[in-house]
Protein backbone atom coordinates (compact mmCIF):
# COMPACT_ATOMS: atom_id res chain seq x y z
CA MET A 1 0.00 0.00 0.00
CA GLY A 2 2.72 2.42 0.97
CA SER A 3 4.75 1.72 -2.16
CA ASN A 4 1.71 2.43 -4.32
CA LEU A 5 1.26 5.82 -2.68
CA HIS A 6 4.94 6.47 -3.14
CA TRP A 7 4.64 5.67 -6.85
CA ILE A 8 1.68 8.02 -7.22
CA TRP A 9 3.59 10.79 -5.46
CA ASP A 10 6.66 10.18 -7.65
CA SER A 11 4.65 10.31 -10.86
CA GLN A 12 2.90 13.47 -9.73
CA ALA A 13 6.20 15.10 -8.84
CA SER A 14 7.75 14.27 -12.20
CA PHE A 15 4.58 15.46 -13.93
CA LEU A 16 4.79 18.78 -12.09
CA ARG A 17 8.45 19.09 -12.99
CA ALA A 18 7.63 18.47 -16.64
CA ILE A 19 4.92 21.13 -16.57
CA GLN A 20 7.28 23.52 -14.82
CA SER A 21 10.04 23.10 -17.40
CA TRP A 22 7.50 23.37 -20.24
CA LEU A 23 6.11 26.60 -18.81
CA PHE A 24 9.61 27.94 -18.38
CA ARG A 25 10.47 27.10 -21.99
CA THR A 26 7.29 28.67 -23.36
CA TYR A 27 7.82 31.76 -21.22
CA ASN A 28 11.35 32.16 -22.56
CA LYS A 29 10.09 31.58 -26.10
CA GLN A 30 7.41 34.23 -25.68
CA LYS A 31 9.90 36.66 -24.20
CA GLU A 32 12.17 36.05 -27.19
CA ILE A 33 9.30 36.55 -29.62
CA GLY A 34 8.31 39.71 -27.78
CA GLN A 35 11.83 41.08 -28.08
CA ARG A 36 11.91 40.28 -31.80
CA MET A 37 8.55 41.94 -32.31
CA GLN A 38 9.80 45.01 -30.45
CA TRP A 39 12.91 45.07 -32.61
CA LEU A 40 10.80 44.74 -35.75
CA LEU A 41 8.53 47.57 -34.63
CA ASN A 42 11.54 49.75 -33.91
CA VAL A 43 12.98 49.07 -37.36
CA LEU A 44 9.64 49.78 -39.02
CA GLU A 45 9.31 53.00 -37.04
CA LEU A 46 12.80 54.09 -38.09
CA MET A 47 12.02 53.31 -41.73
CA ARG A 48 8.73 55.19 -41.48
CA ILE A 49 10.51 58.21 -40.03
CA ARG A 50 13.25 58.05 -42.63
CA PHE A 51 11.15 57.38 -45.72
CA GLY A 52 7.69 58.30 -44.48
CA LEU A 53 8.10 61.98 -45.25
CA LYS A 54 8.51 61.20 -48.94
CA THR A 55 5.86 58.49 -49.19
CA CYS A 56 3.14 60.13 -47.07
CA HIS A 57 3.05 63.41 -48.96
């Protein structure tokens, strides 16, 4: 009986660890994507400032 409980606890712990690492990876991925989007927006803004005066008017 005790060993069965121990097995359940072990599987739950490893499951939680897997979820934790997955969340950590996705969070890092999203942070990376956010930084790239910010960089892209900055570049687009610079291009708009540089060439926008000619193209807008």
